[in-house]
Amino acid sequence: MKRHWIGGLAGLLLAMILVGCGAEGATGQVESLSPDELKKYTEGNNQAFILLNNTEDEKERKDNINLVEEKIKSISVKEINAKSEEMLDNNLKPNDLGLKDIQFKTLGYYEDGTLEKYVSLRDVDYSSEDKKHKAIEKFIDETTS
């Protein structure tokens, strides 16, 4: 009985550590947020990297997230899908979340609530997949240095 109690306590402690790490927003990954969470995040942070998806295709959305995650190492990126059920049901636009001047399918860098720079994730903007990857790498290098 004592072993089960200790095992349960260890599991609870591990869960609390993981939740605590997640609350700060781990670096090197994309975290999808609800509209309310994103608005609070952009209002409460001087700098923010925002991935704005606009798709009903979950595979396309995941591909965009994975593409960004491949390139980031030490930054935290927040993601919102403008075609999510919560956005559509509440008739929300990116502007309603404090995301001004950003285009769909882009990774944007905000400073003090203003879009400073962005990079497109749309295939039509690049002659090859390699050029798209290089553009994302360059964007991240320039905005984090």
C-alpha atoms as a PDB file:
ATOM      1  CA  MET A   1       0.000   0.000   0.000  1.00  0.00           C
ATOM      2  CA  LYS A   2       2.834   2.356   0.890  1.00  0.00           C
ATOM      3  CA  ARG A   3       4.453   1.851  -2.552  1.00  0.00           C
ATOM      4  CA  HIS A   4       1.233   2.814  -4.342  1.00  0.00           C
ATOM      5  CA  TRP A   5       1.004   5.969  -2.258  1.00  0.00           C
ATOM      6  CA  ILE A   6       4.610   6.942  -3.058  1.00  0.00           C
ATOM      7  CA  GLY A   7       4.114   6.129  -6.753  1.00  0.00           C
ATOM      8  CA  GLY A   8       0.972   8.245  -6.848  1.00  0.00           C
ATOM      9  CA  LEU A   9       2.726  11.131  -5.141  1.00  0.00           C
ATOM     10  CA  ALA A  10       5.637  10.903  -7.599  1.00  0.00           C
ATOM     11  CA  GLY A  11       3.190  10.912 -10.523  1.00  0.00           C
ATOM     12  CA  LEU A  12       1.383  13.946  -9.134  1.00  0.00           C
ATOM     13  CA  LEU A  13       4.679  15.779  -8.649  1.00  0.00           C
ATOM     14  CA  LEU A  14       5.728  15.023 -12.236  1.00  0.00           C
ATOM     15  CA  ALA A  15       2.375  16.258 -13.546  1.00  0.00           C
ATOM     16  CA  MET A  16       2.721  19.487 -11.558  1.00  0.00           C
ATOM     17  CA  ILE A  17       6.216  20.071 -12.955  1.00  0.00           C
ATOM     18  CA  LEU A  18       5.034  19.510 -16.523  1.00  0.00           C
ATOM     19  CA  VAL A  19       2.052  21.822 -16.077  1.00  0.00           C
ATOM     20  CA  GLY A  20       4.311  24.464 -14.551  1.00  0.00           C
ATOM     21  CA  CYS A  21       6.695  24.303 -17.479  1.00  0.00           C
ATOM     22  CA  GLY A  22       3.820  24.535 -19.923  1.00  0.00           C
ATOM     23  CA  ALA A  23       2.350  27.567 -18.201  1.00  0.00           C
ATOM     24  CA  GLU A  24       5.401  29.618 -19.080  1.00  0.00           C
ATOM     25  CA  GLY A  25       5.333  28.494 -22.700  1.00  0.00           C
ATOM     26  CA  ALA A  26       8.185  26.203 -23.613  1.00  0.00           C
ATOM     27  CA  THR A  27      10.690  27.478 -26.126  1.00  0.00           C
ATOM     28  CA  GLY A  28      11.296  25.725 -29.402  1.00  0.00           C
ATOM     29  CA  GLN A  29       7.684  24.794 -29.954  1.00  0.00           C
ATOM     30  CA  VAL A  30       4.432  26.218 -31.235  1.00  0.00           C
ATOM     31  CA  GLU A  31       1.626  26.499 -28.711  1.00  0.00           C
ATOM     32  CA  SER A  32      -1.928  26.753 -30.034  1.00  0.00           C
ATOM     33  CA  LEU A  33      -4.062  29.172 -28.056  1.00  0.00           C
ATOM     34  CA  SER A  34      -7.728  30.055 -27.828  1.00  0.00           C
ATOM     35  CA  PRO A  35      -8.724  33.548 -28.973  1.00  0.00           C
ATOM     36  CA  ASP A  36      -8.964  34.794 -25.362  1.00  0.00           C
ATOM     37  CA  GLU A  37      -5.590  33.284 -24.443  1.00  0.00           C
ATOM     38  CA  LEU A  38      -3.933  34.828 -27.497  1.00  0.00           C
ATOM     39  CA  LYS A  39      -5.383  38.268 -26.805  1.00  0.00           C
ATOM     40  CA  LYS A  40      -4.146  38.136 -23.192  1.00  0.00           C
ATOM     41  CA  TYR A  41      -0.742  36.895 -24.360  1.00  0.00           C
ATOM     42  CA  THR A  42      -0.250  39.679 -26.913  1.00  0.00           C
ATOM     43  CA  GLU A  43      -1.413  42.329 -24.439  1.00  0.00           C
ATOM     44  CA  GLY A  44       0.880  41.020 -21.706  1.00  0.00           C
ATOM     45  CA  ASN A  45       4.104  40.595 -23.687  1.00  0.00           C
ATOM     46  CA  ASN A  46       6.382  43.190 -25.265  1.00  0.00           C
ATOM     47  CA  GLN A  47       7.534  40.694 -27.899  1.00  0.00           C
ATOM     48  CA  ALA A  48       5.522  37.911 -29.495  1.00  0.00           C
ATOM     49  CA  PHE A  49       5.889  35.476 -32.359  1.00  0.00           C
ATOM     50  CA  ILE A  50       2.452  34.597 -33.741  1.00  0.00           C
ATOM     51  CA  LEU A  51       1.631  31.946 -36.338  1.00  0.00           C
ATOM     52  CA  LEU A  52      -1.685  32.837 -37.975  1.00  0.00           C
ATOM     53  CA  ASN A  53      -3.240  29.875 -39.736  1.00  0.00           C
ATOM     54  CA  ASN A  54      -6.414  30.120 -41.790  1.00  0.00           C
ATOM     55  CA  THR A  55      -7.494  26.646 -42.768  1.00  0.00           C
ATOM     56  CA  GLU A  56     -10.204  24.077 -42.205  1.00  0.00           C
ATOM     57  CA  ASP A  57      -7.732  21.363 -43.237  1.00  0.00           C
ATOM     58  CA  GLU A  58      -6.169  20.007 -40.039  1.00  0.00           C
ATOM     59  CA  LYS A  59      -3.277  18.413 -41.963  1.00  0.00           C
ATOM     60  CA  GLU A  60      -2.368  21.738 -43.569  1.00  0.00           C
ATOM     61  CA  ARG A  61      -2.505  23.422 -40.153  1.00  0.00           C
ATOM     62  CA  LYS A  62      -0.257  20.747 -38.597  1.00  0.00           C
ATOM     63  CA  ASP A  63       2.148  21.012 -41.552  1.00  0.00           C
ATOM     64  CA  ASN A  64       2.495  24.771 -40.943  1.00  0.00           C
ATOM     65  CA  ILE A  65       3.068  24.203 -37.220  1.00  0.00           C
ATOM     66  CA  ASN A  66       5.665  21.491 -37.920  1.00  0.00           C
ATOM     67  CA  LEU A  67       7.423  23.690 -40.477  1.00  0.00           C
ATOM     68  CA  VAL A  68       7.840  26.455 -37.900  1.00  0.00           C
ATOM     69  CA  GLU A  69       8.817  24.030 -35.125  1.00  0.00           C
ATOM     70  CA  GLU A  70      11.607  22.646 -37.328  1.00  0.00           C
ATOM     71  CA  LYS A  71      13.186  26.106 -37.472  1.00  0.00           C
ATOM     72  CA  ILE A  72      12.755  27.493 -33.967  1.00  0.00           C
ATOM     73  CA  LYS A  73      15.083  26.612 -31.134  1.00  0.00           C
ATOM     74  CA  SER A  74      14.976  29.242 -28.435  1.00  0.00           C
ATOM     75  CA  ILE A  75      11.760  31.144 -29.039  1.00  0.00           C
ATOM     76  CA  SER A  76       8.180  30.491 -28.137  1.00  0.00           C
ATOM     77  CA  VAL A  77       5.603  30.791 -30.908  1.00  0.00           C
ATOM     78  CA  LYS A  78       1.866  31.083 -30.314  1.00  0.00           C
ATOM     79  CA  GLU A  79      -0.595  29.867 -32.949  1.00  0.00           C
ATOM     80  CA  ILE A  80      -4.192  30.691 -33.729  1.00  0.00           C
ATOM     81  CA  ASN A  81      -6.343  29.294 -36.522  1.00  0.00           C
ATOM     82  CA  ALA A  82      -8.693  31.951 -37.888  1.00  0.00           C
ATOM     83  CA  LYS A  83     -11.002  29.173 -39.082  1.00  0.00           C
ATOM     84  CA  SER A  84     -11.220  27.439 -35.723  1.00  0.00           C
ATOM     85  CA  GLU A  85     -14.684  26.734 -34.399  1.00  0.00           C
ATOM     86  CA  GLU A  86     -14.220  29.220 -31.568  1.00  0.00           C
ATOM     87  CA  MET A  87     -13.167  32.012 -33.943  1.00  0.00           C
ATOM     88  CA  LEU A  88     -15.998  31.325 -36.389  1.00  0.00           C
ATOM     89  CA  ASP A  89     -18.712  30.829 -33.750  1.00  0.00           C
ATOM     90  CA  ASN A  90     -17.848  34.168 -32.142  1.00  0.00           C
ATOM     91  CA  ASN A  91     -17.343  35.951 -35.472  1.00  0.00           C
ATOM     92  CA  LEU A  92     -13.813  36.929 -34.408  1.00  0.00           C
ATOM     93  CA  LYS A  93     -11.216  38.389 -36.734  1.00  0.00           C
ATOM     94  CA  PRO A  94      -7.440  38.586 -36.102  1.00  0.00           C
ATOM     95  CA  ASN A  95      -7.882  42.321 -35.441  1.00  0.00           C
ATOM     96  CA  ASP A  96     -10.160  41.466 -32.494  1.00  0.00           C
ATOM     97  CA  LEU A  97      -7.205  39.659 -30.887  1.00  0.00           C
ATOM     98  CA  GLY A  98      -4.760  42.508 -31.322  1.00  0.00           C
ATOM     99  CA  LEU A  99      -3.281  41.022 -34.505  1.00  0.00           C
ATOM    100  CA  LYS A 100      -3.182  44.034 -36.794  1.00  0.00           C
ATOM    101  CA  ASP A 101      -1.705  44.184 -40.295  1.00  0.00           C
ATOM    102  CA  ILE A 102      -0.882  40.462 -40.416  1.00  0.00           C
ATOM    103  CA  GLN A 103      -1.798  38.195 -43.310  1.00  0.00           C
ATOM    104  CA  PHE A 104      -3.099  34.656 -43.074  1.00  0.00           C
ATOM    105  CA  LYS A 105      -0.580  31.796 -43.217  1.00  0.00           C
ATOM    106  CA  THR A 106       2.259  33.872 -41.858  1.00  0.00           C
ATOM    107  CA  LEU A 107       4.610  33.872 -38.916  1.00  0.00           C
ATOM    108  CA  GLY A 108       4.688  37.382 -37.488  1.00  0.00           C
ATOM    109  CA  TYR A 109       6.919  39.153 -35.007  1.00  0.00           C
ATOM    110  CA  TYR A 110       5.218  41.716 -32.777  1.00  0.00           C
ATOM    111  CA  GLU A 111       6.896  44.301 -30.605  1.00  0.00           C
ATOM    112  CA  ASP A 112       4.794  46.341 -28.175  1.00  0.00           C
ATOM    113  CA  GLY A 113       1.642  45.230 -29.998  1.00  0.00           C
ATOM    114  CA  THR A 114       2.869  46.312 -33.433  1.00  0.00           C
ATOM    115  CA  LEU A 115       3.673  43.912 -36.253  1.00  0.00           C
ATOM    116  CA  GLU A 116       7.336  44.549 -37.011  1.00  0.00           C
ATOM    117  CA  LYS A 117       7.974  41.823 -39.574  1.00  0.00           C
ATOM    118  CA  TYR A 118       6.449  38.658 -40.941  1.00  0.00           C
ATOM    119  CA  VAL A 119       7.267  35.759 -43.220  1.00  0.00           C
ATOM    120  CA  SER A 120       4.829  33.911 -45.449  1.00  0.00           C
ATOM    121  CA  LEU A 121       4.206  30.180 -45.164  1.00  0.00           C
ATOM    122  CA  ARG A 122       2.236  30.041 -48.434  1.00  0.00           C
ATOM    123  CA  ASP A 123       3.712  27.799 -51.126  1.00  0.00           C
ATOM    124  CA  VAL A 124       2.730  30.253 -53.888  1.00  0.00           C
ATOM    125  CA  ASP A 125       5.153  32.829 -52.467  1.00  0.00           C
ATOM    126  CA  TYR A 126       8.191  30.613 -53.112  1.00  0.00           C
ATOM    127  CA  SER A 127       9.612  28.882 -56.162  1.00  0.00           C
ATOM    128  CA  SER A 128      10.624  25.863 -54.072  1.00  0.00           C
ATOM    129  CA  GLU A 129      10.122  24.304 -50.655  1.00  0.00           C
ATOM    130  CA  ASP A 130      13.807  24.922 -49.939  1.00  0.00           C
ATOM    131  CA  LYS A 131      13.403  28.681 -50.520  1.00  0.00           C
ATOM    132  CA  LYS A 132      10.458  28.727 -48.128  1.00  0.00           C
ATOM    133  CA  HIS A 133      12.514  26.965 -45.445  1.00  0.00           C
ATOM    134  CA  LYS A 134      15.401  29.396 -45.949  1.00  0.00           C
ATOM    135  CA  ALA A 135      13.069  32.408 -45.724  1.00  0.00           C
ATOM    136  CA  ILE A 136      11.693  31.151 -42.405  1.00  0.00           C
ATOM    137  CA  GLU A 137      15.203  30.527 -41.055  1.00  0.00           C
ATOM    138  CA  LYS A 138      16.315  34.014 -42.133  1.00  0.00           C
ATOM    139  CA  PHE A 139      13.229  35.587 -40.538  1.00  0.00           C
ATOM    140  CA  ILE A 140      13.861  33.833 -37.228  1.00  0.00           C
ATOM    141  CA  ASP A 141      17.577  34.679 -37.280  1.00  0.00           C
ATOM    142  CA  GLU A 142      16.885  38.363 -37.993  1.00  0.00           C
ATOM    143  CA  THR A 143      14.154  38.762 -35.394  1.00  0.00           C
ATOM    144  CA  THR A 144      15.948  36.942 -32.593  1.00  0.00           C
ATOM    145  CA  SER A 145      19.414  38.478 -32.944  1.00  0.00           C
END
